[in-house]
Structure formats: structure tokens, C-alpha cells
C-alpha atoms as a PDB file:
ATOM      1  CA  MET A   1     104.738 170.271-175.964  1.00  0.00           C
ATOM      2  CA  ALA A   2     106.650 172.962-178.010  1.00  0.00           C
ATOM      3  CA  GLU A   3     103.654 175.288-179.250  1.00  0.00           C
ATOM      4  CA  THR A   4     104.864 174.164-183.203  1.00  0.00           C
ATOM      5  CA  ALA A   5     104.478 170.814-181.971  1.00  0.00           C
ATOM      6  CA  HIS A   6     100.864 170.786-180.939  1.00  0.00           C
ATOM      7  CA  ALA A   7     100.353 172.811-184.238  1.00  0.00           C
ATOM      8  CA  SER A   8     101.348 169.910-185.961  1.00  0.00           C
ATOM      9  CA  LEU A   9      99.712 167.791-183.820  1.00  0.00           C
ATOM     10  CA  ARG A  10      96.582 169.362-184.698  1.00  0.00           C
ATOM     11  CA  ASP A  11      96.976 169.329-188.458  1.00  0.00           C
ATOM     12  CA  GLN A  12      97.711 165.789-188.212  1.00  0.00           C
ATOM     13  CA  LEU A  13      93.615 165.890-186.005  1.00  0.00           C
ATOM     14  CA  GLN A  14      92.048 168.015-188.497  1.00  0.00           C
ATOM     15  CA  ASP A  15      92.962 166.452-191.211  1.00  0.00           C
ATOM     16  CA  GLU A  16      92.156 163.008-189.854  1.00  0.00           C
ATOM     17  CA  ARG A  17      88.874 163.930-189.704  1.00  0.00           C
ATOM     18  CA  GLU A  18      88.080 165.495-192.597  1.00  0.00           C
ATOM     19  CA  ARG A  19      89.494 161.480-193.468  1.00  0.00           C
ATOM     20  CA  LEU A  20      86.862 160.019-191.202  1.00  0.00           C
ATOM     21  CA  LEU A  21      84.381 162.135-192.552  1.00  0.00           C
ATOM     22  CA  ASP A  22      84.808 161.503-196.889  1.00  0.00           C
ATOM     23  CA  GLN A  23      84.815 157.494-195.490  1.00  0.00           C
ATOM     24  CA  LEU A  24      81.700 157.939-194.424  1.00  0.00           C
ATOM     25  CA  ARG A  25      79.947 159.893-196.496  1.00  0.00           C
ATOM     26  CA  GLN A  26      81.347 157.377-199.206  1.00  0.00           C
ATOM     27  CA  MET A  27      79.919 154.278-197.483  1.00  0.00           C
ATOM     28  CA  GLY A  28      76.260 156.226-198.004  1.00  0.00           C
ATOM     29  CA  ARG A  29      75.842 157.682-194.616  1.00  0.00           C
ATOM     30  CA  GLY A  30      73.203 160.467-194.353  1.00  0.00           C
ATOM     31  CA  PRO A  31      73.556 163.545-193.160  1.00  0.00           C
ATOM     32  CA  GLU A  32      71.055 162.268-189.848  1.00  0.00           C
ATOM     33  CA  GLY A  33      73.789 159.912-189.187  1.00  0.00           C
ATOM     34  CA  SER A  34      72.300 156.432-190.752  1.00  0.00           C
ATOM     35  CA  LEU A  35      73.528 154.312-193.834  1.00  0.00           C
ATOM     36  CA  SER A  36      72.083 153.802-197.010  1.00  0.00           C
ATOM     37  CA  PHE A  37      71.298 150.889-198.991  1.00  0.00           C
ATOM     38  CA  ASP A  38      69.870 149.244-201.954  1.00  0.00           C
ATOM     39  CA  GLU A  39      66.174 147.910-200.906  1.00  0.00           C
ATOM     40  CA  GLY A  40      66.019 146.551-204.003  1.00  0.00           C
ATOM     41  CA  PHE A  41      68.807 144.607-204.126  1.00  0.00           C
ATOM     42  CA  ALA A  42      67.404 140.474-205.046  1.00  0.00           C
ATOM     43  CA  ASP A  43      69.358 138.738-201.622  1.00  0.00           C
ATOM     44  CA  SER A  44      68.284 140.072-198.776  1.00  0.00           C
ATOM     45  CA  GLY A  45      70.167 137.611-196.848  1.00  0.00           C
ATOM     46  CA  GLN A  46      74.035 139.485-198.374  1.00  0.00           C
ATOM     47  CA  VAL A  47      72.213 142.891-197.551  1.00  0.00           C
ATOM     48  CA  THR A  48      71.255 141.877-194.121  1.00  0.00           C
ATOM     49  CA  ALA A  49      75.141 141.009-193.600  1.00  0.00           C
ATOM     50  CA  GLU A  50      76.243 143.528-195.621  1.00  0.00           C
ATOM     51  CA  ARG A  51      74.318 146.207-193.486  1.00  0.00           C
ATOM     52  CA  GLY A  52      75.596 144.506-190.412  1.00  0.00           C
ATOM     53  CA  GLU A  53      79.268 144.676-191.572  1.00  0.00           C
ATOM     54  CA  VAL A  54      78.308 148.312-192.488  1.00  0.00           C
ATOM     55  CA  ASP A  55      76.934 149.046-189.628  1.00  0.00           C
ATOM     56  CA  ALA A  56      79.739 148.162-187.277  1.00  0.00           C
ATOM     57  CA  LEU A  57      82.630 150.111-189.374  1.00  0.00           C
ATOM     58  CA  ALA A  58      80.309 152.881-189.232  1.00  0.00           C
ATOM     59  CA  SER A  59      79.596 152.209-186.097  1.00  0.00           C
ATOM     60  CA  THR A  60      84.243 152.217-184.781  1.00  0.00           C
ATOM     61  CA  LEU A  61      84.277 155.374-187.722  1.00  0.00           C
ATOM     62  CA  LEU A  62      81.727 157.534-186.015  1.00  0.00           C
ATOM     63  CA  GLU A  63      83.707 156.667-182.536  1.00  0.00           C
ATOM     64  CA  THR A  64      86.895 157.906-183.853  1.00  0.00           C
ATOM     65  CA  LEU A  65      85.365 160.719-185.069  1.00  0.00           C
ATOM     66  CA  GLN A  66      84.291 161.911-181.615  1.00  0.00           C
ATOM     67  CA  GLU A  67      87.909 161.236-179.848  1.00  0.00           C
ATOM     68  CA  ILE A  68      88.994 163.405-182.497  1.00  0.00           C
ATOM     69  CA  GLU A  69      86.918 165.713-181.915  1.00  0.00           C
ATOM     70  CA  ASP A  70      86.727 165.912-178.086  1.00  0.00           C
ATOM     71  CA  ALA A  71      90.735 166.667-178.611  1.00  0.00           C
ATOM     72  CA  LEU A  72      89.973 169.286-181.545  1.00  0.00           C
ATOM     73  CA  ARG A  73      87.592 171.011-178.508  1.00  0.00           C
ATOM     74  CA  LYS A  74      90.887 170.780-176.156  1.00  0.00           C
ATOM     75  CA  PHE A  75      92.485 172.355-178.110  1.00  0.00           C
ATOM     76  CA  ASP A  76      90.615 175.505-177.983  1.00  0.00           C
ATOM     77  CA  ALA A  77      90.042 174.820-174.561  1.00  0.00           C
ATOM     78  CA  GLY A  78      93.904 175.351-173.771  1.00  0.00           C
ATOM     79  CA  THR A  79      93.562 171.685-172.520  1.00  0.00           C
ATOM     80  CA  TYR A  80      94.685 169.505-175.239  1.00  0.00           C
ATOM     81  CA  GLY A  81      98.148 167.346-173.563  1.00  0.00           C
ATOM     82  CA  ARG A  82      96.514 167.228-170.552  1.00  0.00           C
ATOM     83  CA  CYS A  83      95.398 163.985-168.604  1.00  0.00           C
ATOM     84  CA  GLU A  84      91.391 163.670-168.542  1.00  0.00           C
ATOM     85  CA  SER A  85      91.948 161.093-165.082  1.00  0.00           C
ATOM     86  CA  CYS A  86      95.037 163.010-163.157  1.00  0.00           C
ATOM     87  CA  GLY A  87      95.584 166.267-164.864  1.00  0.00           C
ATOM     88  CA  ASN A  88      99.198 166.149-165.555  1.00  0.00           C
ATOM     89  CA  PRO A  89     100.454 166.082-168.790  1.00  0.00           C
ATOM     90  CA  ILE A  90     100.345 162.688-171.205  1.00  0.00           C
ATOM     91  CA  GLY A  91     104.278 162.490-172.820  1.00  0.00           C
ATOM     92  CA  GLU A  92     105.046 163.825-175.935  1.00  0.00           C
ATOM     93  CA  ALA A  93     105.313 160.696-177.807  1.00  0.00           C
ATOM     94  CA  ARG A  94     102.326 159.358-176.756  1.00  0.00           C
ATOM     95  CA  LEU A  95     100.834 162.144-178.058  1.00  0.00           C
ATOM     96  CA  GLU A  96     102.931 161.758-181.051  1.00  0.00           C
ATOM     97  CA  ALA A  97     102.108 157.850-181.728  1.00  0.00           C
ATOM     98  CA  MET A  98      98.360 159.067-180.765  1.00  0.00           C
ATOM     99  CA  PRO A  99      97.154 162.641-181.042  1.00  0.00           C
ATOM    100  CA  ALA A 100      93.690 161.889-179.449  1.00  0.00           C
ATOM    101  CA  ALA A 101      94.898 160.301-176.346  1.00  0.00           C
ATOM    102  CA  ARG A 102      92.757 161.280-173.270  1.00  0.00           C
ATOM    103  CA  LEU A 103      94.890 159.284-171.019  1.00  0.00           C
ATOM    104  CA  CYS A 104      98.817 159.500-169.829  1.00  0.00           C
ATOM    105  CA  MET A 105     100.707 156.081-169.862  1.00  0.00           C
ATOM    106  CA  ALA A 106     100.195 155.706-166.243  1.00  0.00           C
ATOM    107  CA  CYS A 107      96.728 156.058-166.236  1.00  0.00           C
ATOM    108  CA  ALA A 108      96.266 154.500-169.429  1.00  0.00           C
ATOM    109  CA  SER A 109      98.185 150.712-167.278  1.00  0.00           C
ATOM    110  CA  LYS A 110      96.015 151.053-164.810  1.00  0.00           C
ATOM    111  CA  ARG A 111      92.631 150.906-167.043  1.00  0.00           C
ATOM    112  CA  ARG A 112      93.635 147.768-168.755  1.00  0.00           C
END
């Protein structure tokens, strides 16, 4: 894959990283990763339900953020675009669709 295409993908990953961090901050994610809720709210059942939904969403966002951080580390290590399973190059189309892809199509389809 061309150097400029890799640079573009790195930019996309960095932009997505910032977007996810902003979303987590807006959700009340504290610096230690915890979420804050209004404990004084009158309906504790509603708070519990809301907390469960927000925790699930935050967990998904944190997993995605980790995948992006891993991909950015691969850029720094010079291993970006290589399948973690077989070591072959990940196809350009797959990386464009999923810049944080860890596996080539062949290895990804084996895991299904």
C-alpha cells in the first residue's frame, strides 16, 4: 500500500480516537475510567437501567478505542497492515473499510 494511503489511514485512526475520547468524556467517564451518575436522582430504578446502558456503551467504545490504539502502535512499529495471524499483508480494500483491522480476509473468515 502506498505511503500516502497509509498516512491517510493513520489520520483517520487518529481522528476516530479523538472522537471516541470526546464521546467518553461526554458520557462522564472519569480519568480513571469510571462513569459518574447522579446518585441523588429520585428514581433509583431508572438510574440503574441508565447506568447499565451507559456502561455497555462505554465498554464498546473502550474496546474500539483499544483497537485503534493498537493500530496506531503498529504504525509506530512498522507492522501496520500485516495480519496478526498469518503475517501476510491485509488487503488495501479491507484496511480502507476497517483501518484498525487485525486480520486479513482469509484469517478473519476462518474465525467465524
